[in-house]
């Protein structure tokens, strides 16, 4: 029995520039992301009936890997050379489609569990690379690379995505006091809207391919990613908070919709109620609002009045780990 725990993430600056359709055209992408204490759990066990038993939001019991329907599980099994004789279970703290990178975390967690099962342990960097290979190269999904890297490595990281596909990641250098204040001042609120991240990212990729304005918009977003890292490392948390709202403005311009009209009203309300700034987390269309606030009481009261529930969290510095191995 092997059980892995893999964190979800919040993007703090530069989101969207981790898409290959962006950084391959524009030289590189850059963002800041943080792993958080909301997790995807994956268990792997030997199956003595010598078939495959897979449990996620659905159940599959099949004879061989070639018959598996779940695309990520199928590719993970193929990559590790497993054809039968295994049971895989998964569950998560937060539902999919809410902008916290659950697909990337799931892929990393499955790979870590299967690699350990096969006695072929991988480094965090190797796990992230393999997860990207599965989602982007093998499955041709329109996803970026931040989810896999921050899920595998954990922490609060500055990540650069180079045109040749290489990824550079470093942990932000913040004093213990600033790190504590940042974690304490970040608040997540669930909008109640779920949407397929793949659908939103396909729209983003299509827009990027056909619009110079979208490319310029993401260039600005990349610059905000660098400014986010600079403000956090300098301890300027008020300035960091204001950058959250600037990022939301760019996303709103890039992806106008009725849902985003409503989200814009909520973010404006939050900023009038004590937040230094706020934005939507993830590819768009719903999910979670992220605010930075010193006056948390006023912000919480405003969000409660709108019917938005808070989801407490703290940073995760371990990345994907094995909880049980026996």
C-alpha atoms as a PDB file:
ATOM      1  CA  UNK A   1       0.000   0.000   0.000  1.00  0.00           C
ATOM      2  CA  UNK A   2       1.375   3.386  -1.073  1.00  0.00           C
ATOM      3  CA  UNK A   3      -0.377   6.714  -0.421  1.00  0.00           C
ATOM      4  CA  UNK A   4       0.818  10.042  -1.802  1.00  0.00           C
ATOM      5  CA  UNK A   5      -0.280  13.548  -0.852  1.00  0.00           C
ATOM      6  CA  UNK A   6       0.180  16.299  -3.430  1.00  0.00           C
ATOM      7  CA  UNK A   7      -0.667  19.987  -2.849  1.00  0.00           C
ATOM      8  CA  UNK A   8      -2.905  22.198  -4.938  1.00  0.00           C
ATOM      9  CA  UNK A   9      -1.707  25.712  -5.767  1.00  0.00           C
ATOM     10  CA  UNK A  10      -2.551  29.378  -6.006  1.00  0.00           C
ATOM     11  CA  UNK A  11      -0.933  31.603  -8.629  1.00  0.00           C
ATOM     12  CA  UNK A  12       0.327  34.869  -7.145  1.00  0.00           C
ATOM     13  CA  UNK A  13       1.625  36.640 -10.246  1.00  0.00           C
ATOM     14  CA  UNK A  14       2.141  36.090 -13.972  1.00  0.00           C
ATOM     15  CA  UNK A  15      -0.536  33.447 -14.502  1.00  0.00           C
ATOM     16  CA  UNK A  16      -1.118  32.390 -18.114  1.00  0.00           C
ATOM     17  CA  UNK A  17       2.492  32.856 -19.224  1.00  0.00           C
ATOM     18  CA  UNK A  18       3.267  29.196 -18.477  1.00  0.00           C
ATOM     19  CA  UNK A  19       1.334  28.112 -21.591  1.00  0.00           C
ATOM     20  CA  UNK A  20       3.572  26.719 -24.361  1.00  0.00           C
ATOM     21  CA  UNK A  21       1.519  28.717 -26.872  1.00  0.00           C
ATOM     22  CA  UNK A  22       2.757  31.842 -25.075  1.00  0.00           C
ATOM     23  CA  UNK A  23       6.354  31.208 -24.004  1.00  0.00           C
ATOM     24  CA  UNK A  24       7.365  29.492 -27.256  1.00  0.00           C
ATOM     25  CA  UNK A  25       6.275  32.622 -29.164  1.00  0.00           C
ATOM     26  CA  UNK A  26       7.429  35.271 -26.698  1.00  0.00           C
ATOM     27  CA  UNK A  27      10.782  33.867 -25.602  1.00  0.00           C
ATOM     28  CA  UNK A  28       9.822  32.855 -22.072  1.00  0.00           C
ATOM     29  CA  UNK A  29       7.118  32.962 -19.447  1.00  0.00           C
ATOM     30  CA  UNK A  30       7.416  33.776 -15.770  1.00  0.00           C
ATOM     31  CA  UNK A  31       5.145  33.514 -12.752  1.00  0.00           C
ATOM     32  CA  UNK A  32       5.036  33.171  -8.992  1.00  0.00           C
ATOM     33  CA  UNK A  33       2.995  30.328  -7.483  1.00  0.00           C
ATOM     34  CA  UNK A  34       2.480  28.846  -4.036  1.00  0.00           C
ATOM     35  CA  UNK A  35       1.594  25.318  -2.979  1.00  0.00           C
ATOM     36  CA  UNK A  36      -1.179  25.263  -0.375  1.00  0.00           C
ATOM     37  CA  UNK A  37      -2.511  22.886   2.269  1.00  0.00           C
ATOM     38  CA  UNK A  38      -5.315  21.523   0.098  1.00  0.00           C
ATOM     39  CA  UNK A  39      -4.380  18.177  -1.353  1.00  0.00           C
ATOM     40  CA  UNK A  40      -4.942  15.392  -3.844  1.00  0.00           C
ATOM     41  CA  UNK A  41      -4.458  11.932  -2.314  1.00  0.00           C
ATOM     42  CA  UNK A  42      -3.617   8.873  -4.392  1.00  0.00           C
ATOM     43  CA  UNK A  43      -3.318   5.308  -3.114  1.00  0.00           C
ATOM     44  CA  UNK A  44      -1.812   2.388  -5.023  1.00  0.00           C
ATOM     45  CA  UNK A  45      -2.078  -1.226  -3.963  1.00  0.00           C
ATOM     46  CA  UNK A  46      -1.259  -4.582  -5.513  1.00  0.00           C
ATOM     47  CA  UNK A  47      -4.376  -6.172  -6.973  1.00  0.00           C
ATOM     48  CA  UNK A  48      -4.345  -9.929  -6.481  1.00  0.00           C
ATOM     49  CA  UNK A  49      -7.072 -10.490  -9.080  1.00  0.00           C
ATOM     50  CA  UNK A  50      -4.422  -9.427 -11.629  1.00  0.00           C
ATOM     51  CA  UNK A  51      -6.629  -6.866 -13.371  1.00  0.00           C
ATOM     52  CA  UNK A  52      -6.854  -3.065 -12.993  1.00  0.00           C
ATOM     53  CA  UNK A  53      -9.262  -1.481 -10.506  1.00  0.00           C
ATOM     54  CA  UNK A  54      -9.396   2.323 -10.722  1.00  0.00           C
ATOM     55  CA  UNK A  55     -11.487   4.526  -8.425  1.00  0.00           C
ATOM     56  CA  UNK A  56     -11.756   8.284  -8.957  1.00  0.00           C
ATOM     57  CA  UNK A  57     -15.029  10.127  -9.649  1.00  0.00           C
ATOM     58  CA  UNK A  58     -15.965   6.915 -11.474  1.00  0.00           C
ATOM     59  CA  UNK A  59     -15.046   3.236 -11.228  1.00  0.00           C
ATOM     60  CA  UNK A  60     -13.173   1.182 -13.796  1.00  0.00           C
ATOM     61  CA  UNK A  61     -12.389  -2.505 -13.652  1.00  0.00           C
ATOM     62  CA  UNK A  62     -10.578  -3.671 -16.783  1.00  0.00           C
ATOM     63  CA  UNK A  63      -8.218  -6.437 -17.811  1.00  0.00           C
ATOM     64  CA  UNK A  64      -5.313  -4.375 -19.163  1.00  0.00           C
ATOM     65  CA  UNK A  65      -4.082  -0.774 -19.417  1.00  0.00           C
ATOM     66  CA  UNK A  66      -5.146  -0.564 -23.072  1.00  0.00           C
ATOM     67  CA  UNK A  67      -8.784  -0.710 -21.886  1.00  0.00           C
ATOM     68  CA  UNK A  68      -8.494   2.138 -19.344  1.00  0.00           C
ATOM     69  CA  UNK A  69     -10.757   5.122 -20.103  1.00  0.00           C
ATOM     70  CA  UNK A  70      -9.232   7.765 -17.824  1.00  0.00           C
ATOM     71  CA  UNK A  71      -6.626   9.427 -20.085  1.00  0.00           C
ATOM     72  CA  UNK A  72      -4.168  10.523 -17.374  1.00  0.00           C
ATOM     73  CA  UNK A  73      -4.264   7.223 -15.514  1.00  0.00           C
ATOM     74  CA  UNK A  74      -3.831   5.349 -18.777  1.00  0.00           C
ATOM     75  CA  UNK A  75      -0.752   7.361 -19.765  1.00  0.00           C
ATOM     76  CA  UNK A  76       0.773   7.132 -16.275  1.00  0.00           C
ATOM     77  CA  UNK A  77       0.408   3.352 -16.336  1.00  0.00           C
ATOM     78  CA  UNK A  78       1.863   3.178 -19.841  1.00  0.00           C
ATOM     79  CA  UNK A  79       4.796   5.401 -18.903  1.00  0.00           C
ATOM     80  CA  UNK A  80       5.695   3.175 -15.914  1.00  0.00           C
ATOM     81  CA  UNK A  81       5.109  -0.008 -17.921  1.00  0.00           C
ATOM     82  CA  UNK A  82       2.273  -1.327 -15.734  1.00  0.00           C
ATOM     83  CA  UNK A  83      -0.318  -3.409 -17.576  1.00  0.00           C
ATOM     84  CA  UNK A  84      -2.302  -5.164 -14.829  1.00  0.00           C
ATOM     85  CA  UNK A  85      -2.370  -6.241 -11.206  1.00  0.00           C
ATOM     86  CA  UNK A  86      -2.872  -2.858  -9.517  1.00  0.00           C
ATOM     87  CA  UNK A  87      -5.552  -0.814  -7.762  1.00  0.00           C
ATOM     88  CA  UNK A  88      -5.528   3.008  -7.788  1.00  0.00           C
ATOM     89  CA  UNK A  89      -7.760   5.256  -5.667  1.00  0.00           C
ATOM     90  CA  UNK A  90      -7.872   9.045  -5.577  1.00  0.00           C
ATOM     91  CA  UNK A  91      -9.653  11.792  -3.670  1.00  0.00           C
ATOM     92  CA  UNK A  92      -9.154  15.521  -3.160  1.00  0.00           C
ATOM     93  CA  UNK A  93      -9.866  18.222  -0.586  1.00  0.00           C
ATOM     94  CA  UNK A  94     -11.309  20.533  -3.273  1.00  0.00           C
ATOM     95  CA  UNK A  95     -13.390  19.616  -6.358  1.00  0.00           C
ATOM     96  CA  UNK A  96     -11.915  19.878  -9.828  1.00  0.00           C
ATOM     97  CA  UNK A  97     -12.783  22.852 -12.013  1.00  0.00           C
ATOM     98  CA  UNK A  98     -12.105  25.424  -9.292  1.00  0.00           C
ATOM     99  CA  UNK A  99      -8.815  26.869 -10.513  1.00  0.00           C
ATOM    100  CA  UNK A 100      -6.365  25.336  -8.049  1.00  0.00           C
ATOM    101  CA  UNK A 101      -4.485  23.099 -10.489  1.00  0.00           C
ATOM    102  CA  UNK A 102      -6.053  19.781  -9.497  1.00  0.00           C
ATOM    103  CA  UNK A 103      -5.273  18.011 -12.792  1.00  0.00           C
ATOM    104  CA  UNK A 104      -1.542  18.723 -12.525  1.00  0.00           C
ATOM    105  CA  UNK A 105      -1.497  17.724  -8.850  1.00  0.00           C
ATOM    106  CA  UNK A 106      -3.359  14.513  -9.659  1.00  0.00           C
ATOM    107  CA  UNK A 107      -0.882  13.603 -12.400  1.00  0.00           C
ATOM    108  CA  UNK A 108       2.115  14.275 -10.152  1.00  0.00           C
ATOM    109  CA  UNK A 109       0.571  12.285  -7.283  1.00  0.00           C
ATOM    110  CA  UNK A 110      -0.236   9.285  -9.478  1.00  0.00           C
ATOM    111  CA  UNK A 111       3.265   9.267 -10.979  1.00  0.00           C
ATOM    112  CA  UNK A 112       4.927   9.491  -7.575  1.00  0.00           C
ATOM    113  CA  UNK A 113       2.854   6.583  -6.240  1.00  0.00           C
ATOM    114  CA  UNK A 114       3.393   4.384  -9.307  1.00  0.00           C
ATOM    115  CA  UNK A 115       7.132   5.135  -9.476  1.00  0.00           C
ATOM    116  CA  UNK A 116       7.496   4.148  -5.812  1.00  0.00           C
ATOM    117  CA  UNK A 117       5.416   1.017  -6.446  1.00  0.00           C
ATOM    118  CA  UNK A 118       7.837   0.082  -9.253  1.00  0.00           C
ATOM    119  CA  UNK A 119      10.880   0.855  -7.064  1.00  0.00           C
ATOM    120  CA  UNK A 120      11.843   3.645  -9.479  1.00  0.00           C
ATOM    121  CA  UNK A 121      11.641   6.808  -7.307  1.00  0.00           C
ATOM    122  CA  UNK A 122      11.775  10.142  -9.105  1.00  0.00           C
ATOM    123  CA  UNK A 123      13.061  13.552  -8.030  1.00  0.00           C
ATOM    124  CA  UNK A 124      10.590  16.410  -7.773  1.00  0.00           C
ATOM    125  CA  UNK A 125      11.929  17.879 -11.009  1.00  0.00           C
ATOM    126  CA  UNK A 126      11.595  14.524 -12.789  1.00  0.00           C
ATOM    127  CA  UNK A 127       8.014  14.137 -11.540  1.00  0.00           C
ATOM    128  CA  UNK A 128       7.094  17.596 -12.862  1.00  0.00           C
ATOM    129  CA  UNK A 129       8.735  16.897 -16.227  1.00  0.00           C
ATOM    130  CA  UNK A 130       6.966  13.551 -16.606  1.00  0.00           C
ATOM    131  CA  UNK A 131       3.620  15.062 -15.617  1.00  0.00           C
ATOM    132  CA  UNK A 132       4.069  17.786 -18.265  1.00  0.00           C
ATOM    133  CA  UNK A 133       5.034  15.153 -20.832  1.00  0.00           C
ATOM    134  CA  UNK A 134       1.810  13.276 -20.147  1.00  0.00           C
ATOM    135  CA  UNK A 135      -0.568  16.247 -20.120  1.00  0.00           C
ATOM    136  CA  UNK A 136       1.030  18.465 -22.775  1.00  0.00           C
ATOM    137  CA  UNK A 137       2.925  16.117 -25.104  1.00  0.00           C
ATOM    138  CA  UNK A 138       1.069  12.812 -24.970  1.00  0.00           C
ATOM    139  CA  UNK A 139      -2.480  14.042 -24.340  1.00  0.00           C
ATOM    140  CA  UNK A 140      -2.078  17.355 -26.201  1.00  0.00           C
ATOM    141  CA  UNK A 141      -4.005  19.234 -23.502  1.00  0.00           C
ATOM    142  CA  UNK A 142      -3.830  23.053 -23.657  1.00  0.00           C
ATOM    143  CA  UNK A 143      -2.425  23.327 -20.135  1.00  0.00           C
ATOM    144  CA  UNK A 144       0.570  25.204 -18.770  1.00  0.00           C
ATOM    145  CA  UNK A 145       3.435  23.940 -16.639  1.00  0.00           C
ATOM    146  CA  UNK A 146       3.061  25.772 -13.329  1.00  0.00           C
ATOM    147  CA  UNK A 147       0.684  23.253 -11.735  1.00  0.00           C
ATOM    148  CA  UNK A 148       2.983  20.273 -12.161  1.00  0.00           C
ATOM    149  CA  UNK A 149       6.115  22.070 -10.928  1.00  0.00           C
ATOM    150  CA  UNK A 150       4.660  23.729  -7.855  1.00  0.00           C
ATOM    151  CA  UNK A 151       2.761  20.545  -6.944  1.00  0.00           C
ATOM    152  CA  UNK A 152       5.911  18.455  -7.141  1.00  0.00           C
ATOM    153  CA  UNK A 153       8.212  20.920  -5.361  1.00  0.00           C
ATOM    154  CA  UNK A 154       5.991  22.875  -2.965  1.00  0.00           C
ATOM    155  CA  UNK A 155       6.771  26.260  -1.410  1.00  0.00           C
ATOM    156  CA  UNK A 156       6.407  29.768  -2.825  1.00  0.00           C
ATOM    157  CA  UNK A 157       8.361  29.777  -6.059  1.00  0.00           C
ATOM    158  CA  UNK A 158       9.452  32.017  -8.902  1.00  0.00           C
ATOM    159  CA  UNK A 159       9.255  29.870 -12.051  1.00  0.00           C
ATOM    160  CA  UNK A 160      10.576  30.686 -15.533  1.00  0.00           C
ATOM    161  CA  UNK A 161       9.419  28.764 -18.603  1.00  0.00           C
ATOM    162  CA  UNK A 162      11.906  28.965 -21.452  1.00  0.00           C
ATOM    163  CA  UNK A 163      11.162  28.754 -25.162  1.00  0.00           C
ATOM    164  CA  UNK A 164      13.101  25.482 -25.463  1.00  0.00           C
ATOM    165  CA  UNK A 165      10.832  23.868 -22.859  1.00  0.00           C
ATOM    166  CA  UNK A 166      13.272  24.023 -19.943  1.00  0.00           C
ATOM    167  CA  UNK A 167      11.975  25.249 -16.607  1.00  0.00           C
ATOM    168  CA  UNK A 168      13.899  27.133 -13.900  1.00  0.00           C
ATOM    169  CA  UNK A 169      12.409  27.301 -10.423  1.00  0.00           C
ATOM    170  CA  UNK A 170      13.624  28.942  -7.235  1.00  0.00           C
ATOM    171  CA  UNK A 171      12.051  29.515  -3.844  1.00  0.00           C
ATOM    172  CA  UNK A 172      11.368  33.165  -3.038  1.00  0.00           C
ATOM    173  CA  UNK A 173      13.677  34.591  -0.391  1.00  0.00           C
ATOM    174  CA  UNK A 174      11.433  36.166   2.253  1.00  0.00           C
ATOM    175  CA  UNK A 175      12.131  36.822   5.909  1.00  0.00           C
ATOM    176  CA  UNK A 176      10.189  34.608   8.354  1.00  0.00           C
ATOM    177  CA  UNK A 177       8.130  37.657   9.430  1.00  0.00           C
ATOM    178  CA  UNK A 178       7.146  38.608   5.865  1.00  0.00           C
ATOM    179  CA  UNK A 179       6.371  34.985   5.028  1.00  0.00           C
ATOM    180  CA  UNK A 180       4.070  34.755   8.052  1.00  0.00           C
ATOM    181  CA  UNK A 181       2.373  38.069   7.250  1.00  0.00           C
ATOM    182  CA  UNK A 182       1.846  37.011   3.640  1.00  0.00           C
ATOM    183  CA  UNK A 183       0.307  33.681   4.611  1.00  0.00           C
ATOM    184  CA  UNK A 184      -1.874  35.372   7.235  1.00  0.00           C
ATOM    185  CA  UNK A 185      -3.104  38.064   4.835  1.00  0.00           C
ATOM    186  CA  UNK A 186      -4.056  35.828   1.901  1.00  0.00           C
ATOM    187  CA  UNK A 187      -7.709  34.746   1.911  1.00  0.00           C
ATOM    188  CA  UNK A 188      -9.506  32.375  -0.474  1.00  0.00           C
ATOM    189  CA  UNK A 189     -13.248  32.530  -1.140  1.00  0.00           C
ATOM    190  CA  UNK A 190     -15.204  30.039  -3.232  1.00  0.00           C
ATOM    191  CA  UNK A 191     -17.373  31.636  -5.914  1.00  0.00           C
ATOM    192  CA  UNK A 192     -19.630  28.618  -6.338  1.00  0.00           C
ATOM    193  CA  UNK A 193     -18.835  28.504 -10.062  1.00  0.00           C
ATOM    194  CA  UNK A 194     -17.067  25.486 -11.554  1.00  0.00           C
ATOM    195  CA  UNK A 195     -15.804  25.286 -15.098  1.00  0.00           C
ATOM    196  CA  UNK A 196     -13.588  22.962 -17.062  1.00  0.00           C
ATOM    197  CA  UNK A 197     -10.087  24.413 -16.950  1.00  0.00           C
ATOM    198  CA  UNK A 198      -9.373  22.748 -20.292  1.00  0.00           C
ATOM    199  CA  UNK A 199     -12.263  24.613 -21.892  1.00  0.00           C
ATOM    200  CA  UNK A 200     -11.003  27.937 -20.547  1.00  0.00           C
ATOM    201  CA  UNK A 201      -7.421  27.178 -21.605  1.00  0.00           C
ATOM    202  CA  UNK A 202      -8.507  26.172 -25.111  1.00  0.00           C
ATOM    203  CA  UNK A 203     -10.187  29.562 -25.404  1.00  0.00           C
ATOM    204  CA  UNK A 204      -7.011  31.226 -24.135  1.00  0.00           C
ATOM    205  CA  UNK A 205      -4.839  29.334 -26.629  1.00  0.00           C
ATOM    206  CA  UNK A 206      -7.203  30.230 -29.465  1.00  0.00           C
ATOM    207  CA  UNK A 207      -7.177  33.897 -28.499  1.00  0.00           C
ATOM    208  CA  UNK A 208      -3.405  33.905 -28.195  1.00  0.00           C
ATOM    209  CA  UNK A 209      -2.980  32.433 -31.656  1.00  0.00           C
ATOM    210  CA  UNK A 210      -5.145  35.057 -33.303  1.00  0.00           C
ATOM    211  CA  UNK A 211      -4.704  38.300 -31.383  1.00  0.00           C
ATOM    212  CA  UNK A 212      -1.731  40.622 -31.000  1.00  0.00           C
ATOM    213  CA  UNK A 213      -3.609  42.330 -28.166  1.00  0.00           C
ATOM    214  CA  UNK A 214      -3.762  39.071 -26.195  1.00  0.00           C
ATOM    215  CA  UNK A 215      -0.019  38.547 -26.621  1.00  0.00           C
ATOM    216  CA  UNK A 216       0.585  42.109 -25.402  1.00  0.00           C
ATOM    217  CA  UNK A 217      -1.782  41.504 -22.486  1.00  0.00           C
ATOM    218  CA  UNK A 218       0.194  38.424 -21.439  1.00  0.00           C
ATOM    219  CA  UNK A 219       3.475  40.328 -21.823  1.00  0.00           C
ATOM    220  CA  UNK A 220       2.129  42.719 -19.191  1.00  0.00           C
ATOM    221  CA  UNK A 221       1.073  39.762 -17.070  1.00  0.00           C
ATOM    222  CA  UNK A 222       4.604  38.349 -17.269  1.00  0.00           C
ATOM    223  CA  UNK A 223       6.005  41.684 -16.091  1.00  0.00           C
ATOM    224  CA  UNK A 224       3.577  41.619 -13.158  1.00  0.00           C
ATOM    225  CA  UNK A 225       4.960  38.188 -12.317  1.00  0.00           C
ATOM    226  CA  UNK A 226       8.439  39.688 -11.984  1.00  0.00           C
ATOM    227  CA  UNK A 227       7.071  42.611  -9.960  1.00  0.00           C
ATOM    228  CA  UNK A 228       5.258  40.156  -7.689  1.00  0.00           C
ATOM    229  CA  UNK A 229       8.527  38.376  -6.894  1.00  0.00           C
ATOM    230  CA  UNK A 230      10.302  41.690  -6.325  1.00  0.00           C
ATOM    231  CA  UNK A 231       7.619  43.033  -3.978  1.00  0.00           C
ATOM    232  CA  UNK A 232       7.440  39.845  -1.944  1.00  0.00           C
ATOM    233  CA  UNK A 233      11.204  39.575  -1.537  1.00  0.00           C
ATOM    234  CA  UNK A 234      11.377  43.264  -0.599  1.00  0.00           C
ATOM    235  CA  UNK A 235       8.612  42.789   1.980  1.00  0.00           C
ATOM    236  CA  UNK A 236       6.236  45.210   0.229  1.00  0.00           C
ATOM    237  CA  UNK A 237       3.026  43.296   0.878  1.00  0.00           C
ATOM    238  CA  UNK A 238       0.744  46.270   0.234  1.00  0.00           C
ATOM    239  CA  UNK A 239       2.329  46.635  -3.204  1.00  0.00           C
ATOM    240  CA  UNK A 240       1.937  42.900  -3.779  1.00  0.00           C
ATOM    241  CA  UNK A 241      -1.760  43.159  -2.956  1.00  0.00           C
ATOM    242  CA  UNK A 242      -2.261  45.952  -5.474  1.00  0.00           C
ATOM    243  CA  UNK A 243      -0.622  43.779  -8.142  1.00  0.00           C
ATOM    244  CA  UNK A 244      -3.320  41.136  -7.609  1.00  0.00           C
ATOM    245  CA  UNK A 245      -5.961  43.588  -8.802  1.00  0.00           C
ATOM    246  CA  UNK A 246      -3.842  44.649 -11.773  1.00  0.00           C
ATOM    247  CA  UNK A 247      -3.602  41.015 -12.805  1.00  0.00           C
ATOM    248  CA  UNK A 248      -7.348  40.603 -12.524  1.00  0.00           C
ATOM    249  CA  UNK A 249      -7.880  43.659 -14.742  1.00  0.00           C
ATOM    250  CA  UNK A 250      -5.686  42.083 -17.437  1.00  0.00           C
ATOM    251  CA  UNK A 251      -7.511  38.734 -17.221  1.00  0.00           C
ATOM    252  CA  UNK A 252     -10.890  40.505 -17.325  1.00  0.00           C
ATOM    253  CA  UNK A 253      -9.835  42.371 -20.467  1.00  0.00           C
ATOM    254  CA  UNK A 254      -8.629  39.122 -22.021  1.00  0.00           C
ATOM    255  CA  UNK A 255     -11.665  37.010 -21.120  1.00  0.00           C
ATOM    256  CA  UNK A 256     -14.828  39.138 -20.857  1.00  0.00           C
ATOM    257  CA  UNK A 257     -17.946  37.179 -19.900  1.00  0.00           C
ATOM    258  CA  UNK A 258     -21.078  37.470 -17.783  1.00  0.00           C
ATOM    259  CA  UNK A 259     -19.487  35.304 -15.088  1.00  0.00           C
ATOM    260  CA  UNK A 260     -16.432  37.563 -15.053  1.00  0.00           C
ATOM    261  CA  UNK A 261     -18.703  40.621 -14.800  1.00  0.00           C
ATOM    262  CA  UNK A 262     -20.043  39.175 -11.557  1.00  0.00           C
ATOM    263  CA  UNK A 263     -16.566  38.263 -10.333  1.00  0.00           C
ATOM    264  CA  UNK A 264     -15.362  41.792 -11.070  1.00  0.00           C
ATOM    265  CA  UNK A 265     -18.128  43.184  -8.853  1.00  0.00           C
ATOM    266  CA  UNK A 266     -17.118  40.833  -6.044  1.00  0.00           C
ATOM    267  CA  UNK A 267     -13.456  41.791  -6.313  1.00  0.00           C
ATOM    268  CA  UNK A 268     -14.344  45.487  -6.270  1.00  0.00           C
ATOM    269  CA  UNK A 269     -16.478  44.911  -3.179  1.00  0.00           C
ATOM    270  CA  UNK A 270     -13.603  43.099  -1.493  1.00  0.00           C
ATOM    271  CA  UNK A 271     -11.200  45.945  -2.236  1.00  0.00           C
ATOM    272  CA  UNK A 272     -13.670  48.460  -0.797  1.00  0.00           C
ATOM    273  CA  UNK A 273     -13.965  46.318   2.332  1.00  0.00           C
ATOM    274  CA  UNK A 274     -10.355  46.107   3.432  1.00  0.00           C
ATOM    275  CA  UNK A 275      -8.435  44.161   0.782  1.00  0.00           C
ATOM    276  CA  UNK A 276      -5.337  45.707  -0.794  1.00  0.00           C
ATOM    277  CA  UNK A 277      -6.163  43.753  -3.948  1.00  0.00           C
ATOM    278  CA  UNK A 278      -7.715  40.596  -5.288  1.00  0.00           C
ATOM    279  CA  UNK A 279      -8.026  38.356  -8.323  1.00  0.00           C
ATOM    280  CA  UNK A 280      -9.538  35.170  -9.650  1.00  0.00           C
ATOM    281  CA  UNK A 281      -7.314  32.104  -9.325  1.00  0.00           C
ATOM    282  CA  UNK A 282      -6.902  29.777 -12.290  1.00  0.00           C
ATOM    283  CA  UNK A 283      -7.852  29.702 -15.953  1.00  0.00           C
ATOM    284  CA  UNK A 284     -11.085  31.653 -15.548  1.00  0.00           C
ATOM    285  CA  UNK A 285     -14.834  31.163 -15.489  1.00  0.00           C
ATOM    286  CA  UNK A 286     -15.156  30.591 -11.758  1.00  0.00           C
ATOM    287  CA  UNK A 287     -13.392  28.902  -8.879  1.00  0.00           C
ATOM    288  CA  UNK A 288     -11.769  30.924  -6.094  1.00  0.00           C
ATOM    289  CA  UNK A 289     -11.163  34.585  -5.378  1.00  0.00           C
ATOM    290  CA  UNK A 290      -7.804  35.372  -3.769  1.00  0.00           C
ATOM    291  CA  UNK A 291      -7.372  38.562  -1.735  1.00  0.00           C
ATOM    292  CA  UNK A 292      -4.559  40.075   0.245  1.00  0.00           C
ATOM    293  CA  UNK A 293      -5.880  42.040   3.203  1.00  0.00           C
ATOM    294  CA  UNK A 294      -4.723  43.543   6.459  1.00  0.00           C
ATOM    295  CA  UNK A 295      -8.325  44.329   7.490  1.00  0.00           C
ATOM    296  CA  UNK A 296      -9.507  40.742   7.232  1.00  0.00           C
ATOM    297  CA  UNK A 297     -12.613  41.307   9.386  1.00  0.00           C
ATOM    298  CA  UNK A 298     -14.149  43.773   6.934  1.00  0.00           C
ATOM    299  CA  UNK A 299     -13.295  41.581   3.946  1.00  0.00           C
ATOM    300  CA  UNK A 300     -14.728  38.454   5.538  1.00  0.00           C
ATOM    301  CA  UNK A 301     -17.948  40.261   6.436  1.00  0.00           C
ATOM    302  CA  UNK A 302     -18.324  41.564   2.878  1.00  0.00           C
ATOM    303  CA  UNK A 303     -17.755  38.145   1.313  1.00  0.00           C
ATOM    304  CA  UNK A 304     -20.128  36.495   3.769  1.00  0.00           C
ATOM    305  CA  UNK A 305     -22.816  38.998   2.809  1.00  0.00           C
ATOM    306  CA  UNK A 306     -22.320  37.940  -0.826  1.00  0.00           C
ATOM    307  CA  UNK A 307     -22.674  34.277   0.092  1.00  0.00           C
ATOM    308  CA  UNK A 308     -19.043  33.411  -0.663  1.00  0.00           C
ATOM    309  CA  UNK A 309     -17.525  30.886   1.731  1.00  0.00           C
ATOM    310  CA  UNK A 310     -13.921  31.150   2.908  1.00  0.00           C
ATOM    311  CA  UNK A 311     -11.525  28.220   2.552  1.00  0.00           C
ATOM    312  CA  UNK A 312      -8.672  28.547   5.092  1.00  0.00           C
ATOM    313  CA  UNK A 313      -5.226  27.372   4.036  1.00  0.00           C
ATOM    314  CA  UNK A 314      -1.517  27.712   4.716  1.00  0.00           C
ATOM    315  CA  UNK A 315       1.517  27.224   2.495  1.00  0.00           C
ATOM    316  CA  UNK A 316       2.844  23.742   1.824  1.00  0.00           C
ATOM    317  CA  UNK A 317       6.638  23.441   1.697  1.00  0.00           C
ATOM    318  CA  UNK A 318       6.934  19.704   1.086  1.00  0.00           C
ATOM    319  CA  UNK A 319       5.412  19.256  -2.353  1.00  0.00           C
ATOM    320  CA  UNK A 320       4.317  15.758  -3.338  1.00  0.00           C
ATOM    321  CA  UNK A 321       5.165  13.277  -0.574  1.00  0.00           C
ATOM    322  CA  UNK A 322       4.622   9.637   0.286  1.00  0.00           C
ATOM    323  CA  UNK A 323       2.478   9.369   3.405  1.00  0.00           C
ATOM    324  CA  UNK A 324       2.303   5.570   3.572  1.00  0.00           C
ATOM    325  CA  UNK A 325       4.557   2.875   2.140  1.00  0.00           C
ATOM    326  CA  UNK A 326       4.234  -0.651   3.444  1.00  0.00           C
END
